């Protein structure tokens, strides 16, 4: 069991890294446009915000 545990942990870490990259790319693709628009949205009044 001691010899299998590291292999299982490494396999899980590889899966997490794979999903992590996918989530990071999705978050960046959604967040970057909002971050670039944040200066303009701050100028817009709350009532005028869509």
Protein backbone atom coordinates (compact mmCIF):
# COMPACT_ATOMS: atom_id res chain seq x y z
CA UNK A 1 0.00 0.00 0.00
CA UNK A 2 2.87 2.37 0.75
CA UNK A 3 4.18 1.93 -2.78
CA UNK A 4 0.76 2.55 -4.35
CA UNK A 5 -0.10 5.66 -2.33
CA UNK A 6 2.50 7.95 -3.99
CA UNK A 7 1.41 6.78 -7.44
CA UNK A 8 -2.26 7.48 -6.64
CA UNK A 9 -1.37 10.89 -5.19
CA UNK A 10 0.69 11.76 -8.27
CA UNK A 11 -2.17 10.63 -10.54
CA UNK A 12 -4.66 12.76 -8.58
CA UNK A 13 -2.31 15.75 -8.73
CA UNK A 14 -2.01 15.31 -12.49
CA UNK A 15 -5.81 15.30 -12.82
CA UNK A 16 -6.09 18.36 -10.58
CA UNK A 17 -3.43 20.14 -12.64
CA UNK A 18 -5.32 19.32 -15.83
CA UNK A 19 -8.64 20.61 -14.50
CA UNK A 20 -6.85 23.54 -12.83
CA UNK A 21 -5.48 24.74 -16.18
CA UNK A 22 -8.94 24.41 -17.74
CA UNK A 23 -10.59 26.37 -14.92
CA UNK A 24 -7.86 29.03 -14.99
CA UNK A 25 -8.30 29.55 -18.71
CA UNK A 26 -12.08 29.76 -18.31
CA UNK A 27 -11.81 32.19 -15.37
CA UNK A 28 -9.28 34.35 -17.22
CA UNK A 29 -11.37 34.38 -20.40
CA UNK A 30 -14.37 35.56 -18.37
CA UNK A 31 -12.57 37.81 -15.89
CA UNK A 32 -10.14 39.62 -18.20
CA UNK A 33 -12.86 41.36 -20.27
CA UNK A 34 -14.55 42.46 -17.03
CA UNK A 35 -11.25 43.66 -15.56
CA UNK A 36 -10.48 45.68 -18.70
CA UNK A 37 -13.99 47.16 -18.60
CA UNK A 38 -13.85 47.89 -14.85
CA UNK A 39 -12.55 51.49 -15.28
CA UNK A 40 -15.46 52.32 -17.63
CA UNK A 41 -18.03 50.57 -15.41
CA UNK A 42 -16.80 52.51 -12.37
CA UNK A 43 -17.51 55.77 -14.22
CA UNK A 44 -21.04 54.65 -15.14
CA UNK A 45 -23.64 55.45 -12.50
CA UNK A 46 -25.33 52.50 -10.69
CA UNK A 47 -28.71 53.43 -12.25
CA UNK A 48 -27.22 53.37 -15.75
CA UNK A 49 -25.48 50.04 -15.26
CA UNK A 50 -27.16 47.40 -17.47
